[in-house]
Amino acid sequence: MKSVKPKDIKHDWHLIDAKGKTLGRLSTQVAEILMGKTKNYYTPNLDTGDYVVIINAEKIYLSGKKEEQKKYYRHSGYPGGLYTRTASQQREIRPEHLIRHSVEGMLPKTNMGRSMIKKMYVYFGDNNPHANKFASETKKES
């Protein structure tokens, strides 16, 4: 079997509508695309993944009681500086963060993982700046 070279890698664009999809199932699908595991020439030490554009981030579905029980934490770095939000509060303020946070947790925690997450674009609503630019190359996944 011939090993793939960086010049042979082709990065496609995928458009995914998050409307009505479950957060975890969508995140695993997106993480596989970003890592390149959907391609037949996947190589762990090369970035073979594709670009992903996710629209309608505010319409993602959380199963069970996660809407009120799931917590998102951040810390200012000072004593007593812990800030906590529920998933419903996070959805009101930044719905894109729900998807981004979930997918980031599924990617490698290395330099390559940080470059993979930069190939994901999450948007509120149907409009996105990539719609016209990549209309001929875009694959819509439902």
N, C-alpha and C. Protein backbone atom coordinates (compact mmCIF):
# COMPACT_ATOMS: atom_id res chain seq x y z
N MET A 1 0.83 -1.18 0.00
CA MET A 1 0.00 0.00 0.00
C MET A 1 0.88 1.24 0.00
N LYS A 2 0.53 2.16 -0.85
CA LYS A 2 1.30 3.39 -0.99
C LYS A 2 0.84 4.41 0.06
N SER A 3 1.80 5.06 0.74
CA SER A 3 1.43 6.05 1.74
C SER A 3 1.08 7.37 1.06
N VAL A 4 0.17 8.10 1.65
CA VAL A 4 -0.31 9.35 1.08
C VAL A 4 0.66 10.47 1.43
N LYS A 5 0.88 11.37 0.49
CA LYS A 5 1.73 12.53 0.67
C LYS A 5 0.85 13.76 0.91
N PRO A 6 1.35 14.77 1.61
CA PRO A 6 0.54 15.97 1.86
C PRO A 6 0.03 16.65 0.59
N LYS A 7 0.77 16.58 -0.51
CA LYS A 7 0.31 17.22 -1.76
C LYS A 7 -0.84 16.45 -2.40
N ASP A 8 -1.02 15.17 -2.03
CA ASP A 8 -2.09 14.35 -2.61
C ASP A 8 -3.42 14.50 -1.88
N ILE A 9 -3.42 15.17 -0.73
CA ILE A 9 -4.62 15.30 0.08
C ILE A 9 -5.53 16.37 -0.50
N LYS A 10 -6.80 16.02 -0.69
CA LYS A 10 -7.79 16.97 -1.20
C LYS A 10 -8.78 17.25 -0.08
N HIS A 11 -8.93 18.53 0.28
CA HIS A 11 -9.85 18.93 1.34
C HIS A 11 -11.17 19.39 0.72
N ASP A 12 -12.23 18.63 0.96
CA ASP A 12 -13.57 18.97 0.46
C ASP A 12 -14.29 19.84 1.47
N TRP A 13 -15.47 20.35 1.06
CA TRP A 13 -16.32 21.15 1.93
C TRP A 13 -17.63 20.42 2.17
N HIS A 14 -18.09 20.40 3.41
CA HIS A 14 -19.34 19.75 3.79
C HIS A 14 -20.23 20.79 4.47
N LEU A 15 -21.48 20.84 4.05
CA LEU A 15 -22.47 21.72 4.67
C LEU A 15 -23.45 20.84 5.44
N ILE A 16 -23.56 21.08 6.75
CA ILE A 16 -24.41 20.26 7.60
C ILE A 16 -25.43 21.16 8.28
N ASP A 17 -26.70 20.78 8.18
CA ASP A 17 -27.78 21.50 8.83
C ASP A 17 -28.04 20.83 10.18
N ALA A 18 -27.87 21.59 11.28
CA ALA A 18 -28.00 21.03 12.63
C ALA A 18 -29.44 21.01 13.12
N LYS A 19 -30.38 21.46 12.32
CA LYS A 19 -31.77 21.56 12.75
C LYS A 19 -32.33 20.19 13.13
N GLY A 20 -32.71 20.04 14.42
CA GLY A 20 -33.33 18.82 14.89
C GLY A 20 -32.38 17.66 15.14
N LYS A 21 -31.08 17.84 14.95
CA LYS A 21 -30.13 16.76 15.17
C LYS A 21 -29.67 16.74 16.62
N THR A 22 -29.35 15.56 17.13
CA THR A 22 -28.87 15.41 18.48
C THR A 22 -27.41 15.87 18.55
N LEU A 23 -27.06 16.60 19.59
CA LEU A 23 -25.74 17.21 19.71
C LEU A 23 -24.61 16.19 19.63
N GLY A 24 -24.67 15.12 20.39
CA GLY A 24 -23.59 14.14 20.42
C GLY A 24 -23.41 13.40 19.11
N ARG A 25 -24.51 13.03 18.48
CA ARG A 25 -24.42 12.29 17.22
C ARG A 25 -23.89 13.18 16.10
N LEU A 26 -24.31 14.44 16.09
CA LEU A 26 -23.78 15.39 15.10
C LEU A 26 -22.29 15.63 15.34
N SER A 27 -21.90 15.75 16.60
CA SER A 27 -20.51 16.03 16.94
C SER A 27 -19.58 14.90 16.51
N THR A 28 -19.99 13.65 16.70
CA THR A 28 -19.14 12.54 16.27
C THR A 28 -19.00 12.50 14.76
N GLN A 29 -20.08 12.81 14.06
CA GLN A 29 -20.03 12.84 12.59
C GLN A 29 -19.07 13.94 12.12
N VAL A 30 -19.15 15.12 12.72
CA VAL A 30 -18.29 16.24 12.35
C VAL A 30 -16.84 15.95 12.71
N ALA A 31 -16.60 15.36 13.88
CA ALA A 31 -15.23 15.04 14.30
C ALA A 31 -14.57 14.05 13.34
N GLU A 32 -15.32 13.07 12.87
CA GLU A 32 -14.77 12.11 11.90
C GLU A 32 -14.41 12.80 10.59
N ILE A 33 -15.24 13.72 10.14
CA ILE A 33 -14.96 14.45 8.91
C ILE A 33 -13.73 15.33 9.08
N LEU A 34 -13.63 16.03 10.21
CA LEU A 34 -12.48 16.91 10.46
C LEU A 34 -11.17 16.14 10.56
N MET A 35 -11.21 14.93 11.13
CA MET A 35 -10.00 14.11 11.26
C MET A 35 -9.65 13.40 9.96
N GLY A 36 -10.60 13.26 9.05
CA GLY A 36 -10.34 12.58 7.80
C GLY A 36 -10.61 11.10 7.85
N LYS A 37 -11.30 10.62 8.88
CA LYS A 37 -11.56 9.19 9.01
C LYS A 37 -12.58 8.68 8.02
N THR A 38 -13.27 9.57 7.32
CA THR A 38 -14.23 9.15 6.32
C THR A 38 -13.57 8.88 4.97
N LYS A 39 -12.29 9.18 4.86
CA LYS A 39 -11.57 8.98 3.60
C LYS A 39 -10.83 7.65 3.62
N ASN A 40 -10.63 7.09 2.44
CA ASN A 40 -9.98 5.79 2.36
C ASN A 40 -8.46 5.90 2.53
N TYR A 41 -7.91 7.10 2.51
CA TYR A 41 -6.47 7.27 2.69
C TYR A 41 -6.15 7.98 4.02
N TYR A 42 -6.96 7.73 5.05
CA TYR A 42 -6.74 8.34 6.37
C TYR A 42 -5.37 7.95 6.90
N THR A 43 -4.64 8.95 7.37
CA THR A 43 -3.34 8.75 7.98
C THR A 43 -3.31 9.53 9.29
N PRO A 44 -3.03 8.88 10.42
CA PRO A 44 -3.09 9.58 11.71
C PRO A 44 -2.13 10.75 11.86
N ASN A 45 -0.98 10.71 11.18
CA ASN A 45 0.01 11.77 11.35
C ASN A 45 -0.12 12.90 10.33
N LEU A 46 -1.14 12.85 9.47
CA LEU A 46 -1.38 13.93 8.51
C LEU A 46 -2.80 14.44 8.66
N ASP A 47 -2.99 15.70 8.35
CA ASP A 47 -4.32 16.31 8.42
C ASP A 47 -5.05 16.03 7.11
N THR A 48 -5.78 14.92 7.07
CA THR A 48 -6.49 14.53 5.85
C THR A 48 -7.96 14.96 5.88
N GLY A 49 -8.36 15.69 6.91
CA GLY A 49 -9.75 16.06 7.09
C GLY A 49 -10.26 17.12 6.14
N ASP A 50 -11.57 17.28 6.13
CA ASP A 50 -12.25 18.24 5.27
C ASP A 50 -12.74 19.43 6.08
N TYR A 51 -13.22 20.45 5.36
CA TYR A 51 -13.83 21.61 5.98
C TYR A 51 -15.31 21.32 6.23
N VAL A 52 -15.84 21.82 7.35
CA VAL A 52 -17.23 21.60 7.70
C VAL A 52 -17.88 22.94 8.04
N VAL A 53 -19.04 23.20 7.43
CA VAL A 53 -19.83 24.38 7.73
C VAL A 53 -21.14 23.88 8.33
N ILE A 54 -21.43 24.31 9.56
CA ILE A 54 -22.65 23.89 10.25
C ILE A 54 -23.57 25.10 10.37
N ILE A 55 -24.81 24.95 9.91
CA ILE A 55 -25.79 26.03 9.99
C ILE A 55 -26.90 25.64 10.96
N ASN A 56 -27.69 26.62 11.38
CA ASN A 56 -28.79 26.44 12.33
C ASN A 56 -28.32 25.85 13.66
N ALA A 57 -27.26 26.42 14.21
CA ALA A 57 -26.70 25.92 15.47
C ALA A 57 -27.67 26.08 16.63
N GLU A 58 -28.56 27.05 16.56
CA GLU A 58 -29.50 27.29 17.66
C GLU A 58 -30.60 26.24 17.72
N LYS A 59 -30.76 25.42 16.68
CA LYS A 59 -31.83 24.43 16.62
C LYS A 59 -31.35 23.01 16.92
N ILE A 60 -30.17 22.90 17.54
CA ILE A 60 -29.63 21.59 17.90
C ILE A 60 -30.48 21.00 19.04
N TYR A 61 -30.59 19.69 19.07
CA TYR A 61 -31.44 19.02 20.05
C TYR A 61 -30.57 18.40 21.15
N LEU A 62 -30.95 18.63 22.40
CA LEU A 62 -30.31 17.99 23.54
C LEU A 62 -31.31 17.03 24.17
N SER A 63 -30.94 15.77 24.31
CA SER A 63 -31.86 14.77 24.83
C SER A 63 -31.93 14.80 26.35
N GLY A 64 -32.98 14.25 26.88
CA GLY A 64 -33.14 14.14 28.32
C GLY A 64 -33.26 15.49 29.01
N LYS A 65 -32.67 15.61 30.18
CA LYS A 65 -32.73 16.84 30.96
C LYS A 65 -31.46 17.68 30.81
N LYS A 66 -30.70 17.44 29.74
CA LYS A 66 -29.44 18.14 29.56
C LYS A 66 -29.62 19.65 29.41
N GLU A 67 -30.75 20.07 28.90
CA GLU A 67 -30.99 21.50 28.69
C GLU A 67 -30.84 22.28 30.01
N GLU A 68 -31.24 21.70 31.13
CA GLU A 68 -31.15 22.38 32.43
C GLU A 68 -30.05 21.82 33.33
N GLN A 69 -29.61 20.57 33.09
CA GLN A 69 -28.63 19.96 33.99
C GLN A 69 -27.20 20.03 33.50
N LYS A 70 -26.99 20.12 32.19
CA LYS A 70 -25.63 20.19 31.65
C LYS A 70 -25.04 21.57 31.94
N LYS A 71 -23.81 21.59 32.45
CA LYS A 71 -23.16 22.84 32.84
C LYS A 71 -21.94 23.10 31.97
N TYR A 72 -21.72 24.37 31.67
CA TYR A 72 -20.52 24.83 30.98
C TYR A 72 -19.76 25.73 31.92
N TYR A 73 -18.48 25.44 32.14
CA TYR A 73 -17.67 26.17 33.10
C TYR A 73 -16.59 26.98 32.41
N ARG A 74 -16.26 28.11 33.02
CA ARG A 74 -15.07 28.87 32.63
C ARG A 74 -14.56 29.56 33.88
N HIS A 75 -13.28 29.88 33.89
CA HIS A 75 -12.68 30.46 35.09
C HIS A 75 -11.83 31.65 34.69
N SER A 76 -11.91 32.72 35.51
CA SER A 76 -11.17 33.95 35.21
C SER A 76 -9.70 33.85 35.59
N GLY A 77 -9.36 32.88 36.44
CA GLY A 77 -7.99 32.75 36.89
C GLY A 77 -7.77 33.36 38.27
N TYR A 78 -8.76 34.05 38.77
CA TYR A 78 -8.69 34.64 40.10
C TYR A 78 -9.47 33.77 41.10
N PRO A 79 -9.13 33.86 42.38
CA PRO A 79 -9.88 33.09 43.38
C PRO A 79 -11.37 33.44 43.34
N GLY A 80 -12.20 32.43 43.32
CA GLY A 80 -13.65 32.64 43.26
C GLY A 80 -14.14 33.06 41.90
N GLY A 81 -13.34 32.88 40.88
CA GLY A 81 -13.68 33.35 39.54
C GLY A 81 -14.31 32.30 38.64
N LEU A 82 -15.00 31.33 39.21
CA LEU A 82 -15.64 30.28 38.42
C LEU A 82 -17.01 30.75 37.94
N TYR A 83 -17.24 30.69 36.64
CA TYR A 83 -18.52 31.06 36.05
C TYR A 83 -19.17 29.82 35.49
N THR A 84 -20.46 29.64 35.76
CA THR A 84 -21.19 28.46 35.34
C THR A 84 -22.43 28.87 34.57
N ARG A 85 -22.70 28.17 33.47
CA ARG A 85 -23.92 28.38 32.70
C ARG A 85 -24.52 27.03 32.38
N THR A 86 -25.85 26.98 32.34
CA THR A 86 -26.52 25.76 31.90
C THR A 86 -26.54 25.77 30.37
N ALA A 87 -26.91 24.65 29.78
CA ALA A 87 -26.97 24.56 28.32
C ALA A 87 -28.02 25.51 27.75
N SER A 88 -29.13 25.70 28.44
CA SER A 88 -30.16 26.61 27.94
C SER A 88 -29.67 28.06 27.97
N GLN A 89 -28.92 28.45 29.01
CA GLN A 89 -28.35 29.80 29.06
C GLN A 89 -27.31 29.98 27.96
N GLN A 90 -26.50 28.95 27.75
CA GLN A 90 -25.46 29.01 26.71
C GLN A 90 -26.11 29.11 25.33
N ARG A 91 -27.22 28.43 25.13
CA ARG A 91 -27.92 28.47 23.85
C ARG A 91 -28.44 29.88 23.55
N GLU A 92 -28.91 30.59 24.59
CA GLU A 92 -29.40 31.95 24.40
C GLU A 92 -28.27 32.91 24.06
N ILE A 93 -27.11 32.74 24.70
CA ILE A 93 -26.01 33.68 24.52
C ILE A 93 -25.17 33.35 23.29
N ARG A 94 -24.67 32.11 23.21
CA ARG A 94 -23.82 31.68 22.09
C ARG A 94 -24.15 30.25 21.72
N PRO A 95 -25.16 30.02 20.88
CA PRO A 95 -25.53 28.64 20.53
C PRO A 95 -24.43 27.91 19.76
N GLU A 96 -23.55 28.63 19.09
CA GLU A 96 -22.47 28.00 18.34
C GLU A 96 -21.50 27.28 19.28
N HIS A 97 -21.41 27.79 20.51
CA HIS A 97 -20.47 27.23 21.48
C HIS A 97 -20.84 25.81 21.89
N LEU A 98 -22.13 25.48 21.89
CA LEU A 98 -22.55 24.12 22.23
C LEU A 98 -21.90 23.10 21.30
N ILE A 99 -21.96 23.37 20.01
CA ILE A 99 -21.40 22.44 19.01
C ILE A 99 -19.88 22.47 19.05
N ARG A 100 -19.31 23.67 19.08
CA ARG A 100 -17.85 23.80 19.07
C ARG A 100 -17.22 23.10 20.28
N HIS A 101 -17.79 23.27 21.45
CA HIS A 101 -17.26 22.65 22.66
C HIS A 101 -17.35 21.13 22.58
N SER A 102 -18.44 20.62 22.04
CA SER A 102 -18.63 19.19 21.93
C SER A 102 -17.64 18.56 20.94
N VAL A 103 -17.45 19.19 19.79
CA VAL A 103 -16.53 18.65 18.78
C VAL A 103 -15.09 18.76 19.24
N GLU A 104 -14.72 19.86 19.90
CA GLU A 104 -13.35 20.02 20.40
C GLU A 104 -12.97 18.90 21.35
N GLY A 105 -13.92 18.44 22.15
CA GLY A 105 -13.64 17.36 23.09
C GLY A 105 -13.40 16.03 22.41
N MET A 106 -13.81 15.89 21.17
CA MET A 106 -13.65 14.63 20.44
C MET A 106 -12.42 14.62 19.54
N LEU A 107 -11.75 15.76 19.41
CA LEU A 107 -10.55 15.85 18.56
C LEU A 107 -9.30 15.63 19.40
N PRO A 108 -8.18 15.29 18.76
CA PRO A 108 -6.93 15.10 19.51
C PRO A 108 -6.51 16.40 20.21
N LYS A 109 -5.92 16.26 21.38
CA LYS A 109 -5.47 17.42 22.15
C LYS A 109 -4.02 17.73 21.80
N THR A 110 -3.75 17.96 20.52
CA THR A 110 -2.41 18.24 20.01
C THR A 110 -2.47 19.43 19.08
N ASN A 111 -1.32 19.80 18.51
CA ASN A 111 -1.29 20.89 17.53
C ASN A 111 -2.16 20.55 16.32
N MET A 112 -2.18 19.28 15.93
CA MET A 112 -3.00 18.89 14.79
C MET A 112 -4.48 19.02 15.12
N GLY A 113 -4.87 18.70 16.34
CA GLY A 113 -6.25 18.87 16.76
C GLY A 113 -6.68 20.32 16.73
N ARG A 114 -5.78 21.22 17.12
CA ARG A 114 -6.10 22.65 17.09
C ARG A 114 -6.21 23.16 15.66
N SER A 115 -5.46 22.59 14.74
CA SER A 115 -5.59 22.99 13.33
C SER A 115 -6.86 22.40 12.72
N MET A 116 -7.30 21.22 13.21
CA MET A 116 -8.52 20.60 12.70
C MET A 116 -9.75 21.43 13.07
N ILE A 117 -9.81 21.94 14.29
CA ILE A 117 -10.99 22.68 14.73
C ILE A 117 -11.11 23.99 13.97
N LYS A 118 -10.02 24.50 13.42
CA LYS A 118 -10.07 25.74 12.63
C LYS A 118 -10.74 25.52 11.29
N LYS A 119 -10.92 24.26 10.89
CA LYS A 119 -11.60 23.95 9.63
C LYS A 119 -13.10 23.79 9.81
N MET A 120 -13.60 24.06 11.02
CA MET A 120 -15.03 23.97 11.29
C MET A 120 -15.60 25.38 11.49
N TYR A 121 -16.70 25.66 10.79
CA TYR A 121 -17.37 26.95 10.90
C TYR A 121 -18.81 26.70 11.32
N VAL A 122 -19.22 27.30 12.44
CA VAL A 122 -20.56 27.10 12.98
C VAL A 122 -21.29 28.43 12.92
N TYR A 123 -22.52 28.44 12.37
CA TYR A 123 -23.28 29.67 12.19
C TYR A 123 -24.68 29.56 12.76
N PHE A 124 -25.15 30.69 13.25
CA PHE A 124 -26.51 30.87 13.74
C PHE A 124 -27.40 31.14 12.54
N GLY A 125 -28.43 30.36 12.33
CA GLY A 125 -29.34 30.57 11.19
C GLY A 125 -28.83 29.91 9.91
N ASP A 126 -29.56 30.21 8.82
CA ASP A 126 -29.24 29.59 7.53
C ASP A 126 -28.13 30.29 6.77
N ASN A 127 -27.92 31.56 7.03
CA ASN A 127 -26.95 32.34 6.25
C ASN A 127 -25.53 32.07 6.72
N ASN A 128 -24.64 31.93 5.75
CA ASN A 128 -23.22 31.79 6.05
C ASN A 128 -22.42 32.33 4.88
N PRO A 129 -21.23 32.88 5.12
CA PRO A 129 -20.43 33.47 4.05
C PRO A 129 -19.85 32.45 3.08
N HIS A 130 -19.93 31.16 3.39
CA HIS A 130 -19.35 30.14 2.53
C HIS A 130 -20.34 29.61 1.49
N ALA A 131 -21.59 30.03 1.56
CA ALA A 131 -22.63 29.47 0.69
C ALA A 131 -22.34 29.72 -0.79
N ASN A 132 -22.01 30.93 -1.15
CA ASN A 132 -21.78 31.25 -2.56
C ASN A 132 -20.37 30.90 -3.01
N LYS A 133 -19.41 31.04 -2.14
CA LYS A 133 -18.02 30.82 -2.52
C LYS A 133 -17.75 29.37 -2.92
N PHE A 134 -18.39 28.44 -2.24
CA PHE A 134 -18.13 27.02 -2.50
C PHE A 134 -19.38 26.28 -2.95
N ALA A 135 -20.28 26.97 -3.63
CA ALA A 135 -21.56 26.37 -4.03
C ALA A 135 -21.35 25.14 -4.92
N SER A 136 -20.36 25.16 -5.79
CA SER A 136 -20.16 24.03 -6.70
C SER A 136 -19.50 22.84 -5.98
N GLU A 137 -18.70 23.10 -4.94
CA GLU A 137 -17.98 22.02 -4.27
C GLU A 137 -18.70 21.52 -3.03
N THR A 138 -19.69 22.26 -2.56
CA THR A 138 -20.32 21.95 -1.28
C THR A 138 -21.17 20.69 -1.37
N LYS A 139 -21.06 19.85 -0.35
CA LYS A 139 -21.90 18.66 -0.23
C LYS A 139 -22.83 18.91 0.94
N LYS A 140 -24.13 18.88 0.72
CA LYS A 140 -25.07 19.08 1.82
C LYS A 140 -25.42 17.73 2.42
N GLU A 141 -25.25 17.63 3.73
CA GLU A 141 -25.56 16.39 4.42
C GLU A 141 -26.74 16.65 5.33
N SER A 142 -27.72 15.76 5.28
CA SER A 142 -28.89 15.96 6.13
C SER A 142 -28.95 14.99 7.26
